[in-house]
Amino acid sequence: MLQEFRKFILHGNMVDMAVGIVVGAAFGEAVSSFVRDIVMPPIGLLLGGMDFSSLVVTLQTASGDTPAVMIAYGRFIQTILDFTIVAFAVFLAIRGMNKLRASNPAEPVPTNTALLTEIRDLLRQQPGKSDRLKGVQFKL
């Protein structure tokens, strides 16, 4: 069972997935920093410095050692706003990458039909094999 577990852990797809998760987490941090530190300050300035995260509904006030029970709907609104901005930033990045890809299309791989035809003809000339190759057509 230990060898089977080792094979599972070291399998190529598992390692690729782990690398993807680590890179994805780092990318998420970079995008979050971009939104928090670059995008949100101008938006906050446009909105008059409004921060939704302080909006709450208090269900029960604090008493003694018991903390207050609150519904922090402002943090939810702020999270949705941040998510929308992050999603839009990622959309713009992907859109830009797609435009770069479209402007530099990959060159098609040339096929050599003459070489394939020559190989087919040489195979047909071999004794005893011509019957099997009579109807062979190469499609590219």
C-alpha atoms as a PDB file:
ATOM      1  CA  MET A   1       0.000   0.000   0.000  1.00  0.00           C
ATOM      2  CA  LEU A   2       2.917   2.356   0.732  1.00  0.00           C
ATOM      3  CA  GLN A   3       4.335   1.854  -2.774  1.00  0.00           C
ATOM      4  CA  GLU A   4       0.901   2.456  -4.307  1.00  0.00           C
ATOM      5  CA  PHE A   5       0.576   5.680  -2.282  1.00  0.00           C
ATOM      6  CA  ARG A   6       4.081   6.753  -3.375  1.00  0.00           C
ATOM      7  CA  LYS A   7       3.166   6.096  -7.011  1.00  0.00           C
ATOM      8  CA  PHE A   8      -0.035   8.146  -6.577  1.00  0.00           C
ATOM      9  CA  ILE A   9       1.803  11.091  -4.994  1.00  0.00           C
ATOM     10  CA  LEU A  10       4.618  11.130  -7.533  1.00  0.00           C
ATOM     11  CA  HIS A  11       2.394  10.596 -10.554  1.00  0.00           C
ATOM     12  CA  GLY A  12       2.947  13.311 -13.174  1.00  0.00           C
ATOM     13  CA  ASN A  13      -0.588  14.704 -13.039  1.00  0.00           C
ATOM     14  CA  MET A  14      -0.426  15.093  -9.263  1.00  0.00           C
ATOM     15  CA  VAL A  15       2.828  17.053  -9.462  1.00  0.00           C
ATOM     16  CA  ASP A  16       1.424  19.224 -12.275  1.00  0.00           C
ATOM     17  CA  MET A  17      -1.676  19.901 -10.209  1.00  0.00           C
ATOM     18  CA  ALA A  18       0.412  20.845  -7.154  1.00  0.00           C
ATOM     19  CA  VAL A  19       2.488  23.264  -9.234  1.00  0.00           C
ATOM     20  CA  GLY A  20      -0.719  24.744 -10.667  1.00  0.00           C
ATOM     21  CA  ILE A  21      -2.175  25.250  -7.197  1.00  0.00           C
ATOM     22  CA  VAL A  22       0.984  26.962  -5.904  1.00  0.00           C
ATOM     23  CA  VAL A  23       1.249  29.225  -8.954  1.00  0.00           C
ATOM     24  CA  GLY A  24      -2.493  29.925  -8.788  1.00  0.00           C
ATOM     25  CA  ALA A  25      -2.237  30.940  -5.138  1.00  0.00           C
ATOM     26  CA  ALA A  26       0.657  33.275  -5.919  1.00  0.00           C
ATOM     27  CA  PHE A  27      -1.274  34.724  -8.868  1.00  0.00           C
ATOM     28  CA  GLY A  28      -4.292  35.214  -6.591  1.00  0.00           C
ATOM     29  CA  GLU A  29      -2.156  37.138  -4.117  1.00  0.00           C
ATOM     30  CA  ALA A  30      -0.754  39.305  -6.909  1.00  0.00           C
ATOM     31  CA  VAL A  31      -4.219  40.086  -8.265  1.00  0.00           C
ATOM     32  CA  SER A  32      -5.555  40.788  -4.770  1.00  0.00           C
ATOM     33  CA  SER A  33      -2.695  43.189  -4.122  1.00  0.00           C
ATOM     34  CA  PHE A  34      -3.306  44.852  -7.485  1.00  0.00           C
ATOM     35  CA  VAL A  35      -6.969  45.371  -6.631  1.00  0.00           C
ATOM     36  CA  ARG A  36      -6.380  46.417  -3.013  1.00  0.00           C
ATOM     37  CA  ASP A  37      -3.379  48.676  -3.590  1.00  0.00           C
ATOM     38  CA  ILE A  38      -3.800  49.994  -7.149  1.00  0.00           C
ATOM     39  CA  VAL A  39      -7.450  49.774  -8.227  1.00  0.00           C
ATOM     40  CA  MET A  40      -9.400  50.345  -5.001  1.00  0.00           C
ATOM     41  CA  PRO A  41      -7.833  53.669  -3.896  1.00  0.00           C
ATOM     42  CA  PRO A  42      -9.056  55.569  -7.012  1.00  0.00           C
ATOM     43  CA  ILE A  43     -12.454  53.856  -6.776  1.00  0.00           C
ATOM     44  CA  GLY A  44     -12.627  54.769  -3.081  1.00  0.00           C
ATOM     45  CA  LEU A  45     -11.763  58.348  -3.994  1.00  0.00           C
ATOM     46  CA  LEU A  46     -14.545  58.393  -6.608  1.00  0.00           C
ATOM     47  CA  LEU A  47     -17.027  56.973  -4.089  1.00  0.00           C
ATOM     48  CA  GLY A  48     -16.019  59.539  -1.468  1.00  0.00           C
ATOM     49  CA  GLY A  49     -13.925  57.108   0.587  1.00  0.00           C
ATOM     50  CA  MET A  50     -16.887  54.851   1.344  1.00  0.00           C
ATOM     51  CA  ASP A  51     -15.892  51.554   2.900  1.00  0.00           C
ATOM     52  CA  PHE A  52     -18.709  49.026   3.056  1.00  0.00           C
ATOM     53  CA  SER A  53     -16.902  46.691   5.471  1.00  0.00           C
ATOM     54  CA  SER A  54     -18.045  48.642   8.546  1.00  0.00           C
ATOM     55  CA  LEU A  55     -21.789  48.193   7.787  1.00  0.00           C
ATOM     56  CA  VAL A  56     -23.368  45.755  10.277  1.00  0.00           C
ATOM     57  CA  VAL A  57     -26.699  44.824  11.805  1.00  0.00           C
ATOM     58  CA  THR A  58     -26.404  44.142  15.514  1.00  0.00           C
ATOM     59  CA  LEU A  59     -28.600  41.259  16.643  1.00  0.00           C
ATOM     60  CA  GLN A  60     -27.429  41.285  20.246  1.00  0.00           C
ATOM     61  CA  THR A  61     -25.220  43.854  21.944  1.00  0.00           C
ATOM     62  CA  ALA A  62     -22.135  42.845  23.846  1.00  0.00           C
ATOM     63  CA  SER A  63     -22.555  42.205  27.548  1.00  0.00           C
ATOM     64  CA  GLY A  64     -19.686  41.378  29.876  1.00  0.00           C
ATOM     65  CA  ASP A  65     -17.415  38.778  28.294  1.00  0.00           C
ATOM     66  CA  THR A  66     -19.978  37.912  25.602  1.00  0.00           C
ATOM     67  CA  PRO A  67     -19.188  39.586  22.286  1.00  0.00           C
ATOM     68  CA  ALA A  68     -21.875  41.237  20.213  1.00  0.00           C
ATOM     69  CA  VAL A  69     -23.718  39.136  17.639  1.00  0.00           C
ATOM     70  CA  MET A  70     -23.697  40.952  14.327  1.00  0.00           C
ATOM     71  CA  ILE A  71     -24.479  40.350  10.676  1.00  0.00           C
ATOM     72  CA  ALA A  72     -21.583  41.960   8.818  1.00  0.00           C
ATOM     73  CA  TYR A  73     -23.357  42.547   5.511  1.00  0.00           C
ATOM     74  CA  GLY A  74     -20.956  45.363   4.661  1.00  0.00           C
ATOM     75  CA  ARG A  75     -18.014  42.956   4.508  1.00  0.00           C
ATOM     76  CA  PHE A  76     -20.073  40.782   2.172  1.00  0.00           C
ATOM     77  CA  ILE A  77     -20.794  43.774  -0.098  1.00  0.00           C
ATOM     78  CA  GLN A  78     -17.101  44.734  -0.013  1.00  0.00           C
ATOM     79  CA  THR A  79     -16.087  41.147  -0.869  1.00  0.00           C
ATOM     80  CA  ILE A  80     -18.527  41.048  -3.801  1.00  0.00           C
ATOM     81  CA  LEU A  81     -17.196  44.391  -5.043  1.00  0.00           C
ATOM     82  CA  ASP A  82     -13.584  43.161  -4.714  1.00  0.00           C
ATOM     83  CA  PHE A  83     -14.473  39.928  -6.512  1.00  0.00           C
ATOM     84  CA  THR A  84     -16.088  41.839  -9.374  1.00  0.00           C
ATOM     85  CA  ILE A  85     -13.030  44.034  -9.764  1.00  0.00           C
ATOM     86  CA  VAL A  86     -10.657  41.030  -9.603  1.00  0.00           C
ATOM     87  CA  ALA A  87     -12.757  39.140 -12.161  1.00  0.00           C
ATOM     88  CA  PHE A  88     -12.737  42.168 -14.474  1.00  0.00           C
ATOM     89  CA  ALA A  89      -8.961  42.582 -14.087  1.00  0.00           C
ATOM     90  CA  VAL A  90      -8.399  38.898 -14.914  1.00  0.00           C
ATOM     91  CA  PHE A  91     -10.793  39.227 -17.872  1.00  0.00           C
ATOM     92  CA  LEU A  92      -8.770  42.163 -19.215  1.00  0.00           C
ATOM     93  CA  ALA A  93      -5.498  40.246 -18.752  1.00  0.00           C
ATOM     94  CA  ILE A  94      -6.831  37.156 -20.560  1.00  0.00           C
ATOM     95  CA  ARG A  95      -8.306  39.332 -23.298  1.00  0.00           C
ATOM     96  CA  GLY A  96      -4.931  41.019 -23.790  1.00  0.00           C
ATOM     97  CA  MET A  97      -3.132  37.672 -23.944  1.00  0.00           C
ATOM     98  CA  ASN A  98      -5.642  36.373 -26.489  1.00  0.00           C
ATOM     99  CA  LYS A  99      -5.073  39.446 -28.673  1.00  0.00           C
ATOM    100  CA  LEU A 100      -1.317  38.882 -28.507  1.00  0.00           C
ATOM    101  CA  ARG A 101      -1.800  35.252 -29.502  1.00  0.00           C
ATOM    102  CA  ALA A 102      -4.067  36.201 -32.405  1.00  0.00           C
ATOM    103  CA  SER A 103      -1.527  38.668 -33.771  1.00  0.00           C
ATOM    104  CA  ASN A 104       1.230  36.006 -33.753  1.00  0.00           C
ATOM    105  CA  PRO A 105      -0.444  32.870 -35.111  1.00  0.00           C
ATOM    106  CA  ALA A 106       1.613  29.706 -35.099  1.00  0.00           C
ATOM    107  CA  GLU A 107       2.986  28.731 -38.461  1.00  0.00           C
ATOM    108  CA  PRO A 108       1.359  25.599 -39.871  1.00  0.00           C
ATOM    109  CA  VAL A 109       3.527  22.524 -39.947  1.00  0.00           C
ATOM    110  CA  PRO A 110       4.363  21.767 -43.563  1.00  0.00           C
ATOM    111  CA  THR A 111       3.465  18.281 -44.784  1.00  0.00           C
ATOM    112  CA  ASN A 112       5.377  16.529 -47.461  1.00  0.00           C
ATOM    113  CA  THR A 113       2.909  14.534 -49.543  1.00  0.00           C
ATOM    114  CA  ALA A 114       5.566  13.763 -52.152  1.00  0.00           C
ATOM    115  CA  LEU A 115       7.676  11.965 -49.549  1.00  0.00           C
ATOM    116  CA  LEU A 116       4.715   9.936 -48.301  1.00  0.00           C
ATOM    117  CA  THR A 117       3.761   9.021 -51.845  1.00  0.00           C
ATOM    118  CA  GLU A 118       7.330   7.903 -52.565  1.00  0.00           C
ATOM    119  CA  ILE A 119       7.358   5.728 -49.432  1.00  0.00           C
ATOM    120  CA  ARG A 120       4.027   4.179 -50.422  1.00  0.00           C
ATOM    121  CA  ASP A 121       5.300   3.415 -53.926  1.00  0.00           C
ATOM    122  CA  LEU A 122       8.487   1.840 -52.561  1.00  0.00           C
ATOM    123  CA  LEU A 123       6.443  -0.348 -50.228  1.00  0.00           C
ATOM    124  CA  ARG A 124       4.248  -1.437 -53.118  1.00  0.00           C
ATOM    125  CA  GLN A 125       7.333  -2.515 -55.089  1.00  0.00           C
ATOM    126  CA  GLN A 126       8.411  -4.993 -52.413  1.00  0.00           C
ATOM    127  CA  PRO A 127       7.572  -8.587 -53.442  1.00  0.00           C
ATOM    128  CA  GLY A 128       4.603 -10.161 -51.654  1.00  0.00           C
ATOM    129  CA  LYS A 129       3.435  -6.914 -50.070  1.00  0.00           C
ATOM    130  CA  SER A 130       1.882  -5.236 -53.071  1.00  0.00           C
ATOM    131  CA  ASP A 131      -1.458  -7.028 -52.572  1.00  0.00           C
ATOM    132  CA  ARG A 132      -1.853  -5.595 -49.074  1.00  0.00           C
ATOM    133  CA  LEU A 133      -1.035  -2.055 -50.180  1.00  0.00           C
ATOM    134  CA  LYS A 134      -3.168  -1.845 -53.332  1.00  0.00           C
ATOM    135  CA  GLY A 135      -5.918   0.353 -51.922  1.00  0.00           C
ATOM    136  CA  VAL A 136      -3.778   2.355 -49.483  1.00  0.00           C
ATOM    137  CA  GLN A 137      -4.266   6.101 -49.767  1.00  0.00           C
ATOM    138  CA  PHE A 138      -2.453   8.591 -47.577  1.00  0.00           C
ATOM    139  CA  LYS A 139      -4.665  11.363 -46.246  1.00  0.00           C
ATOM    140  CA  LEU A 140      -3.217  14.518 -44.806  1.00  0.00           C
END
